[in-house]
Amino acid sequence: MSFLIKEVPFDSRPRERFKEYGVEALSNQELLSILLRCGMKNKSVIELSTEILCNYSLNDFKNISFDGLRSIKGIGEVKAMILICAFEFSKR
């Protein structure tokens, strides 16, 4: 079942939870949702984040390639670049 972020109660949305409770209170799914910013036509950003985290462990993200990210439906060039840069930034 697909849903829009607008359909999620306001205080349950990742950005609002960040502002209210801080980054430490966010789940991995919420952190990834904020990085991705938006989903795709038939998949909300929350659903996309959930799908990615079901297929990849956090350890997988340390070594995932640009092309590996691009192979995920809903991850285009820009989203892949953002994620690769975030991973590299966290390493440094």
PDB file of N, CA and C in Angstrom:
ATOM      1  N   MET A   1       0.838  -1.185   0.000  1.00  0.00           N
ATOM      2  CA  MET A   1       0.000   0.000   0.000  1.00  0.00           C
ATOM      3  C   MET A   1       0.881   1.245   0.000  1.00  0.00           C
ATOM      4  N   SER A   2       0.693   2.088  -0.952  1.00  0.00           N
ATOM      5  CA  SER A   2       1.490   3.286  -1.082  1.00  0.00           C
ATOM      6  C   SER A   2       0.781   4.462  -0.426  1.00  0.00           C
ATOM      7  N   PHE A   3       1.546   5.345   0.175  1.00  0.00           N
ATOM      8  CA  PHE A   3       0.981   6.533   0.796  1.00  0.00           C
ATOM      9  C   PHE A   3       1.907   7.714   0.580  1.00  0.00           C
ATOM     10  N   LEU A   4       1.360   8.897   0.659  1.00  0.00           N
ATOM     11  CA  LEU A   4       2.137  10.116   0.529  1.00  0.00           C
ATOM     12  C   LEU A   4       2.586  10.578   1.908  1.00  0.00           C
ATOM     13  N   ILE A   5       3.674  11.283   1.975  1.00  0.00           N
ATOM     14  CA  ILE A   5       4.164  11.804   3.248  1.00  0.00           C
ATOM     15  C   ILE A   5       3.123  12.746   3.852  1.00  0.00           C
ATOM     16  N   LYS A   6       2.331  13.402   3.000  1.00  0.00           N
ATOM     17  CA  LYS A   6       1.267  14.289   3.483  1.00  0.00           C
ATOM     18  C   LYS A   6       0.214  13.525   4.279  1.00  0.00           C
ATOM     19  N   GLU A   7       0.117  12.219   4.029  1.00  0.00           N
ATOM     20  CA  GLU A   7      -0.873  11.398   4.722  1.00  0.00           C
ATOM     21  C   GLU A   7      -0.384  10.918   6.090  1.00  0.00           C
ATOM     22  N   VAL A   8       0.903  11.089   6.364  1.00  0.00           N
ATOM     23  CA  VAL A   8       1.473  10.715   7.655  1.00  0.00           C
ATOM     24  C   VAL A   8       1.145  11.834   8.636  1.00  0.00           C
ATOM     25  N   PRO A   9       0.703  11.492   9.847  1.00  0.00           N
ATOM     26  CA  PRO A   9       0.431  12.557  10.821  1.00  0.00           C
ATOM     27  C   PRO A   9       1.638  13.494  10.949  1.00  0.00           C
ATOM     28  N   PHE A  10       1.355  14.789  11.035  1.00  0.00           N
ATOM     29  CA  PHE A  10       2.395  15.811  11.009  1.00  0.00           C
ATOM     30  C   PHE A  10       3.520  15.516  11.997  1.00  0.00           C
ATOM     31  N   ASP A  11       3.179  15.168  13.227  1.00  0.00           N
ATOM     32  CA  ASP A  11       4.208  14.966  14.245  1.00  0.00           C
ATOM     33  C   ASP A  11       4.937  13.633  14.119  1.00  0.00           C
ATOM     34  N   SER A  12       4.564  12.819  13.126  1.00  0.00           N
ATOM     35  CA  SER A  12       5.251  11.550  12.865  1.00  0.00           C
ATOM     36  C   SER A  12       6.160  11.617  11.644  1.00  0.00           C
ATOM     37  N   ARG A  13       6.183  12.740  10.970  1.00  0.00           N
ATOM     38  CA  ARG A  13       7.021  12.902   9.783  1.00  0.00           C
ATOM     39  C   ARG A  13       8.485  13.066  10.211  1.00  0.00           C
ATOM     40  N   PRO A  14       9.409  12.504   9.444  1.00  0.00           N
ATOM     41  CA  PRO A  14      10.824  12.545   9.841  1.00  0.00           C
ATOM     42  C   PRO A  14      11.379  13.932  10.147  1.00  0.00           C
ATOM     43  N   ARG A  15      11.105  14.905   9.322  1.00  0.00           N
ATOM     44  CA  ARG A  15      11.657  16.250   9.552  1.00  0.00           C
ATOM     45  C   ARG A  15      11.077  16.881  10.816  1.00  0.00           C
ATOM     46  N   GLU A  16       9.791  16.671  11.033  1.00  0.00           N
ATOM     47  CA  GLU A  16       9.165  17.232  12.221  1.00  0.00           C
ATOM     48  C   GLU A  16       9.677  16.535  13.478  1.00  0.00           C
ATOM     49  N   ARG A  17       9.889  15.227  13.396  1.00  0.00           N
ATOM     50  CA  ARG A  17      10.450  14.493  14.536  1.00  0.00           C
ATOM     51  C   ARG A  17      11.873  14.967  14.822  1.00  0.00           C
ATOM     52  N   PHE A  18      12.645  15.244  13.766  1.00  0.00           N
ATOM     53  CA  PHE A  18      13.994  15.786  13.941  1.00  0.00           C
ATOM     54  C   PHE A  18      13.935  17.095  14.727  1.00  0.00           C
ATOM     55  N   LYS A  19      13.057  18.003  14.283  1.00  0.00           N
ATOM     56  CA  LYS A  19      12.962  19.311  14.935  1.00  0.00           C
ATOM     57  C   LYS A  19      12.487  19.196  16.382  1.00  0.00           C
ATOM     58  N   GLU A  20      11.575  18.285  16.625  1.00  0.00           N
ATOM     59  CA  GLU A  20      10.987  18.141  17.970  1.00  0.00           C
ATOM     60  C   GLU A  20      11.892  17.386  18.936  1.00  0.00           C
ATOM     61  N   TYR A  21      12.515  16.292  18.451  1.00  0.00           N
ATOM     62  CA  TYR A  21      13.223  15.385  19.356  1.00  0.00           C
ATOM     63  C   TYR A  21      14.734  15.306  19.132  1.00  0.00           C
ATOM     64  N   GLY A  22      15.213  15.840  18.020  1.00  0.00           N
ATOM     65  CA  GLY A  22      16.640  15.784  17.719  1.00  0.00           C
ATOM     66  C   GLY A  22      17.005  14.568  16.888  1.00  0.00           C
ATOM     67  N   VAL A  23      18.179  14.614  16.290  1.00  0.00           N
ATOM     68  CA  VAL A  23      18.632  13.580  15.365  1.00  0.00           C
ATOM     69  C   VAL A  23      18.782  12.223  16.059  1.00  0.00           C
ATOM     70  N   GLU A  24      19.158  12.231  17.326  1.00  0.00           N
ATOM     71  CA  GLU A  24      19.387  10.975  18.045  1.00  0.00           C
ATOM     72  C   GLU A  24      18.115  10.141  18.184  1.00  0.00           C
ATOM     73  N   ALA A  25      16.964  10.791  18.137  1.00  0.00           N
ATOM     74  CA  ALA A  25      15.687  10.093  18.317  1.00  0.00           C
ATOM     75  C   ALA A  25      15.169   9.442  17.036  1.00  0.00           C
ATOM     76  N   LEU A  26      15.811   9.719  15.916  1.00  0.00           N
ATOM     77  CA  LEU A  26      15.309   9.210  14.639  1.00  0.00           C
ATOM     78  C   LEU A  26      15.771   7.786  14.386  1.00  0.00           C
ATOM     79  N   SER A  27      14.899   7.034  13.729  1.00  0.00           N
ATOM     80  CA  SER A  27      15.243   5.673  13.306  1.00  0.00           C
ATOM     81  C   SER A  27      16.132   5.757  12.063  1.00  0.00           C
ATOM     82  N   ASN A  28      16.742   4.651  11.708  1.00  0.00           N
ATOM     83  CA  ASN A  28      17.541   4.608  10.476  1.00  0.00           C
ATOM     84  C   ASN A  28      16.677   4.955   9.269  1.00  0.00           C
ATOM     85  N   GLN A  29      15.454   4.477   9.273  1.00  0.00           N
ATOM     86  CA  GLN A  29      14.517   4.758   8.184  1.00  0.00           C
ATOM     87  C   GLN A  29      14.257   6.262   8.075  1.00  0.00           C
ATOM     88  N   GLU A  30      14.078   6.920   9.201  1.00  0.00           N
ATOM     89  CA  GLU A  30      13.821   8.360   9.182  1.00  0.00           C
ATOM     90  C   GLU A  30      15.050   9.146   8.729  1.00  0.00           C
ATOM     91  N   LEU A  31      16.230   8.739   9.188  1.00  0.00           N
ATOM     92  CA  LEU A  31      17.464   9.400   8.754  1.00  0.00           C
ATOM     93  C   LEU A  31      17.634   9.297   7.243  1.00  0.00           C
ATOM     94  N   LEU A  32      17.426   8.091   6.719  1.00  0.00           N
ATOM     95  CA  LEU A  32      17.554   7.879   5.278  1.00  0.00           C
ATOM     96  C   LEU A  32      16.483   8.664   4.519  1.00  0.00           C
ATOM     97  N   SER A  33      15.285   8.732   5.052  1.00  0.00           N
ATOM     98  CA  SER A  33      14.208   9.492   4.412  1.00  0.00           C
ATOM     99  C   SER A  33      14.569  10.965   4.278  1.00  0.00           C
ATOM    100  N   ILE A  34      15.188  11.515   5.315  1.00  0.00           N
ATOM    101  CA  ILE A  34      15.583  12.926   5.259  1.00  0.00           C
ATOM    102  C   ILE A  34      16.672  13.134   4.205  1.00  0.00           C
ATOM    103  N   LEU A  35      17.623  12.215   4.131  1.00  0.00           N
ATOM    104  CA  LEU A  35      18.673  12.334   3.113  1.00  0.00           C
ATOM    105  C   LEU A  35      18.096  12.233   1.697  1.00  0.00           C
ATOM    106  N   LEU A  36      17.162  11.316   1.490  1.00  0.00           N
ATOM    107  CA  LEU A  36      16.590  11.109   0.156  1.00  0.00           C
ATOM    108  C   LEU A  36      15.649  12.232  -0.258  1.00  0.00           C
ATOM    109  N   ARG A  37      15.015  12.885   0.716  1.00  0.00           N
ATOM    110  CA  ARG A  37      14.129  14.032   0.521  1.00  0.00           C
ATOM    111  C   ARG A  37      12.767  13.685  -0.060  1.00  0.00           C
ATOM    112  N   CYS A  38      12.700  12.850  -1.084  1.00  0.00           N
ATOM    113  CA  CYS A  38      11.411  12.542  -1.697  1.00  0.00           C
ATOM    114  C   CYS A  38      11.440  11.120  -2.258  1.00  0.00           C
ATOM    115  N   GLY A  39      10.271  10.596  -2.454  1.00  0.00           N
ATOM    116  CA  GLY A  39      10.154   9.261  -3.018  1.00  0.00           C
ATOM    117  C   GLY A  39       9.996   9.338  -4.522  1.00  0.00           C
ATOM    118  N   MET A  40       9.103   8.514  -5.025  1.00  0.00           N
ATOM    119  CA  MET A  40       8.832   8.510  -6.457  1.00  0.00           C
ATOM    120  C   MET A  40       7.330   8.447  -6.654  1.00  0.00           C
ATOM    121  N   LYS A  41       6.894   8.369  -7.873  1.00  0.00           N
ATOM    122  CA  LYS A  41       5.464   8.482  -8.178  1.00  0.00           C
ATOM    123  C   LYS A  41       4.588   7.567  -7.328  1.00  0.00           C
ATOM    124  N   ASN A  42       4.906   6.313  -7.236  1.00  0.00           N
ATOM    125  CA  ASN A  42       4.049   5.376  -6.509  1.00  0.00           C
ATOM    126  C   ASN A  42       4.691   4.840  -5.231  1.00  0.00           C
ATOM    127  N   LYS A  43       5.691   5.576  -4.724  1.00  0.00           N
ATOM    128  CA  LYS A  43       6.366   5.108  -3.515  1.00  0.00           C
ATOM    129  C   LYS A  43       6.833   6.317  -2.714  1.00  0.00           C
ATOM    130  N   SER A  44       6.345   6.428  -1.481  1.00  0.00           N
ATOM    131  CA  SER A  44       6.764   7.548  -0.636  1.00  0.00           C
ATOM    132  C   SER A  44       8.215   7.388  -0.241  1.00  0.00           C
ATOM    133  N   VAL A  45       8.812   8.461   0.227  1.00  0.00           N
ATOM    134  CA  VAL A  45      10.195   8.410   0.674  1.00  0.00           C
ATOM    135  C   VAL A  45      10.353   7.443   1.844  1.00  0.00           C
ATOM    136  N   ILE A  46       9.350   7.328   2.678  1.00  0.00           N
ATOM    137  CA  ILE A  46       9.402   6.397   3.813  1.00  0.00           C
ATOM    138  C   ILE A  46       9.399   4.955   3.304  1.00  0.00           C
ATOM    139  N   GLU A  47       8.564   4.675   2.325  1.00  0.00           N
ATOM    140  CA  GLU A  47       8.536   3.330   1.737  1.00  0.00           C
ATOM    141  C   GLU A  47       9.848   3.009   1.035  1.00  0.00           C
ATOM    142  N   LEU A  48      10.412   3.980   0.317  1.00  0.00           N
ATOM    143  CA  LEU A  48      11.678   3.781  -0.376  1.00  0.00           C
ATOM    144  C   LEU A  48      12.790   3.503   0.635  1.00  0.00           C
ATOM    145  N   SER A  49      12.823   4.264   1.707  1.00  0.00           N
ATOM    146  CA  SER A  49      13.828   4.063   2.752  1.00  0.00           C
ATOM    147  C   SER A  49      13.696   2.687   3.383  1.00  0.00           C
ATOM    148  N   THR A  50      12.470   2.281   3.653  1.00  0.00           N
ATOM    149  CA  THR A  50      12.222   0.961   4.243  1.00  0.00           C
ATOM    150  C   THR A  50      12.714  -0.138   3.317  1.00  0.00           C
ATOM    151  N   GLU A  51      12.410  -0.011   2.038  1.00  0.00           N
ATOM    152  CA  GLU A  51      12.834  -1.013   1.060  1.00  0.00           C
ATOM    153  C   GLU A  51      14.358  -1.118   0.996  1.00  0.00           C
ATOM    154  N   ILE A  52      15.021   0.022   0.980  1.00  0.00           N
ATOM    155  CA  ILE A  52      16.487   0.020   0.920  1.00  0.00           C
ATOM    156  C   ILE A  52      17.063  -0.650   2.155  1.00  0.00           C
ATOM    157  N   LEU A  53      16.546  -0.303   3.329  1.00  0.00           N
ATOM    158  CA  LEU A  53      17.076  -0.860   4.568  1.00  0.00           C
ATOM    159  C   LEU A  53      16.737  -2.340   4.741  1.00  0.00           C
ATOM    160  N   CYS A  54      15.710  -2.809   4.066  1.00  0.00           N
ATOM    161  CA  CYS A  54      15.399  -4.246   4.089  1.00  0.00           C
ATOM    162  C   CYS A  54      16.383  -5.033   3.219  1.00  0.00           C
ATOM    163  N   ASN A  55      16.942  -4.376   2.215  1.00  0.00           N
ATOM    164  CA  ASN A  55      17.848  -5.044   1.281  1.00  0.00           C
ATOM    165  C   ASN A  55      19.322  -4.838   1.594  1.00  0.00           C
ATOM    166  N   TYR A  56      19.651  -3.830   2.376  1.00  0.00           N
ATOM    167  CA  TYR A  56      21.040  -3.515   2.695  1.00  0.00           C
ATOM    168  C   TYR A  56      21.180  -3.264   4.189  1.00  0.00           C
ATOM    169  N   SER A  57      22.216  -3.837   4.789  1.00  0.00           N
ATOM    170  CA  SER A  57      22.506  -3.549   6.192  1.00  0.00           C
ATOM    171  C   SER A  57      23.289  -2.242   6.260  1.00  0.00           C
ATOM    172  N   LEU A  58      23.410  -1.683   7.451  1.00  0.00           N
ATOM    173  CA  LEU A  58      24.195  -0.459   7.595  1.00  0.00           C
ATOM    174  C   LEU A  58      25.649  -0.692   7.206  1.00  0.00           C
ATOM    175  N   ASN A  59      26.160  -1.897   7.454  1.00  0.00           N
ATOM    176  CA  ASN A  59      27.526  -2.218   7.041  1.00  0.00           C
ATOM    177  C   ASN A  59      27.669  -2.236   5.524  1.00  0.00           C
ATOM    178  N   ASP A  60      26.607  -2.638   4.817  1.00  0.00           N
ATOM    179  CA  ASP A  60      26.643  -2.640   3.353  1.00  0.00           C
ATOM    180  C   ASP A  60      26.858  -1.233   2.799  1.00  0.00           C
ATOM    181  N   PHE A  61      26.337  -0.230   3.495  1.00  0.00           N
ATOM    182  CA  PHE A  61      26.436   1.144   3.000  1.00  0.00           C
ATOM    183  C   PHE A  61      27.874   1.644   2.974  1.00  0.00           C
ATOM    184  N   LYS A  62      28.744   1.060   3.780  1.00  0.00           N
ATOM    185  CA  LYS A  62      30.141   1.476   3.799  1.00  0.00           C
ATOM    186  C   LYS A  62      30.825   1.209   2.461  1.00  0.00           C
ATOM    187  N   ASN A  63      30.357   0.179   1.763  1.00  0.00           N
ATOM    188  CA  ASN A  63      31.025  -0.243   0.534  1.00  0.00           C
ATOM    189  C   ASN A  63      30.144  -0.186  -0.704  1.00  0.00           C
ATOM    190  N   ILE A  64      28.924   0.269  -0.573  1.00  0.00           N
ATOM    191  CA  ILE A  64      28.029   0.267  -1.731  1.00  0.00           C
ATOM    192  C   ILE A  64      28.535   1.278  -2.761  1.00  0.00           C
ATOM    193  N   SER A  65      28.436   0.902  -4.001  1.00  0.00           N
ATOM    194  CA  SER A  65      28.931   1.748  -5.089  1.00  0.00           C
ATOM    195  C   SER A  65      27.823   2.645  -5.632  1.00  0.00           C
ATOM    196  N   PHE A  66      28.238   3.616  -6.400  1.00  0.00           N
ATOM    197  CA  PHE A  66      27.305   4.501  -7.088  1.00  0.00           C
ATOM    198  C   PHE A  66      26.358   3.675  -7.952  1.00  0.00           C
ATOM    199  N   ASP A  67      26.927   2.743  -8.736  1.00  0.00           N
ATOM    200  CA  ASP A  67      26.096   1.903  -9.606  1.00  0.00           C
ATOM    201  C   ASP A  67      25.199   0.973  -8.796  1.00  0.00           C
ATOM    202  N   GLY A  68      25.691   0.517  -7.647  1.00  0.00           N
ATOM    203  CA  GLY A  68      24.876  -0.319  -6.770  1.00  0.00           C
ATOM    204  C   GLY A  68      23.651   0.430  -6.279  1.00  0.00           C
ATOM    205  N   LEU A  69      23.848   1.676  -5.890  1.00  0.00           N
ATOM    206  CA  LEU A  69      22.710   2.492  -5.461  1.00  0.00           C
ATOM    207  C   LEU A  69      21.765   2.762  -6.618  1.00  0.00           C
ATOM    208  N   ARG A  70      22.343   3.041  -7.784  1.00  0.00           N
ATOM    209  CA  ARG A  70      21.513   3.335  -8.959  1.00  0.00           C
ATOM    210  C   ARG A  70      20.665   2.143  -9.383  1.00  0.00           C
ATOM    211  N   SER A  71      21.059   0.951  -8.995  1.00  0.00           N
ATOM    212  CA  SER A  71      20.284  -0.228  -9.372  1.00  0.00           C
ATOM    213  C   SER A  71      18.996  -0.367  -8.556  1.00  0.00           C
ATOM    214  N   ILE A  72      18.859   0.431  -7.512  1.00  0.00           N
ATOM    215  CA  ILE A  72      17.655   0.403  -6.677  1.00  0.00           C
ATOM    216  C   ILE A  72      16.597   1.275  -7.336  1.00  0.00           C
ATOM    217  N   LYS A  73      15.442   0.685  -7.602  1.00  0.00           N
ATOM    218  CA  LYS A  73      14.366   1.445  -8.234  1.00  0.00           C
ATOM    219  C   LYS A  73      13.953   2.600  -7.314  1.00  0.00           C
ATOM    220  N   GLY A  74      14.021   3.804  -7.857  1.00  0.00           N
ATOM    221  CA  GLY A  74      13.700   4.999  -7.080  1.00  0.00           C
ATOM    222  C   GLY A  74      14.925   5.810  -6.708  1.00  0.00           C
ATOM    223  N   ILE A  75      16.116   5.258  -6.968  1.00  0.00           N
ATOM    224  CA  ILE A  75      17.359   5.980  -6.698  1.00  0.00           C
ATOM    225  C   ILE A  75      17.983   6.370  -8.039  1.00  0.00           C
ATOM    226  N   GLY A  76      17.917   7.639  -8.339  1.00  0.00           N
ATOM    227  CA  GLY A  76      18.523   8.151  -9.563  1.00  0.00           C
ATOM    228  C   GLY A  76      19.923   8.653  -9.283  1.00  0.00           C
ATOM    229  N   GLU A  77      20.485   9.326 -10.256  1.00  0.00           N
ATOM    230  CA  GLU A  77      21.855   9.819 -10.125  1.00  0.00           C
ATOM    231  C   GLU A  77      22.028  10.767  -8.938  1.00  0.00           C
ATOM    232  N   VAL A  78      21.124  11.719  -8.794  1.00  0.00           N
ATOM    233  CA  VAL A  78      21.271  12.729  -7.745  1.00  0.00           C
ATOM    234  C   VAL A  78      21.153  12.100  -6.360  1.00  0.00           C
ATOM    235  N   LYS A  79      20.162  11.253  -6.152  1.00  0.00           N
ATOM    236  CA  LYS A  79      20.012  10.601  -4.845  1.00  0.00           C
ATOM    237  C   LYS A  79      21.212   9.711  -4.545  1.00  0.00           C
ATOM    238  N   ALA A  80      21.710   9.016  -5.554  1.00  0.00           N
ATOM    239  CA  ALA A  80      22.887   8.169  -5.360  1.00  0.00           C
ATOM    240  C   ALA A  80      24.091   9.026  -4.976  1.00  0.00           C
ATOM    241  N   MET A  81      24.266  10.163  -5.644  1.00  0.00           N
ATOM    242  CA  MET A  81      25.367  11.068  -5.320  1.00  0.00           C
ATOM    243  C   MET A  81      25.254  11.585  -3.885  1.00  0.00           C
ATOM    244  N   ILE A  82      24.062  11.987  -3.496  1.00  0.00           N
ATOM    245  CA  ILE A  82      23.841  12.497  -2.140  1.00  0.00           C
ATOM    246  C   ILE A  82      24.219  11.442  -1.109  1.00  0.00           C
ATOM    247  N   LEU A  83      23.771  10.214  -1.321  1.00  0.00           N
ATOM    248  CA  LEU A  83      24.068   9.151  -0.366  1.00  0.00           C
ATOM    249  C   LEU A  83      25.554   8.817  -0.331  1.00  0.00           C
ATOM    250  N   ILE A  84      26.185   8.699  -1.492  1.00  0.00           N
ATOM    251  CA  ILE A  84      27.619   8.401  -1.542  1.00  0.00           C
ATOM    252  C   ILE A  84      28.405   9.506  -0.830  1.00  0.00           C
ATOM    253  N   CYS A  85      28.027  10.759  -1.059  1.00  0.00           N
ATOM    254  CA  CYS A  85      28.709  11.878  -0.400  1.00  0.00           C
ATOM    255  C   CYS A  85      28.482  11.842   1.112  1.00  0.00           C
ATOM    256  N   ALA A  86      27.276  11.528   1.544  1.00  0.00           N
ATOM    257  CA  ALA A  86      26.995  11.439   2.987  1.00  0.00           C
ATOM    258  C   ALA A  86      27.826  10.336   3.621  1.00  0.00           C
ATOM    259  N   PHE A  87      27.945   9.191   2.960  1.00  0.00           N
ATOM    260  CA  PHE A  87      28.748   8.080   3.489  1.00  0.00           C
ATOM    261  C   PHE A  87      30.211   8.477   3.567  1.00  0.00           C
ATOM    262  N   GLU A  88      30.715   9.129   2.523  1.00  0.00           N
ATOM    263  CA  GLU A  88      32.115   9.553   2.502  1.00  0.00           C
ATOM    264  C   GLU A  88      32.376  10.601   3.583  1.00  0.00           C
ATOM    265  N   PHE A  89      31.458  11.525   3.731  1.00  0.00           N
ATOM    266  CA  PHE A  89      31.590  12.564   4.748  1.00  0.00           C
ATOM    267  C   PHE A  89      31.653  11.949   6.136  1.00  0.00           C
ATOM    268  N   SER A  90      30.832  10.939   6.379  1.00  0.00           N
ATOM    269  CA  SER A  90      30.826  10.296   7.699  1.00  0.00           C
ATOM    270  C   SER A  90      32.121   9.527   7.955  1.00  0.00           C
ATOM    271  N   LYS A  91      32.765   9.022   6.899  1.00  0.00           N
ATOM    272  CA  LYS A  91      34.043   8.326   7.046  1.00  0.00           C
ATOM    273  C   LYS A  91      35.150   9.290   7.458  1.00  0.00           C
ATOM    274  N   ARG A  92      35.078  10.496   6.920  1.00  0.00           N
ATOM    275  CA  ARG A  92      36.136  11.488   7.162  1.00  0.00           C
ATOM    276  C   ARG A  92      36.012  12.049   8.549  1.00  0.00           C
TER     277      ARG A  92
END
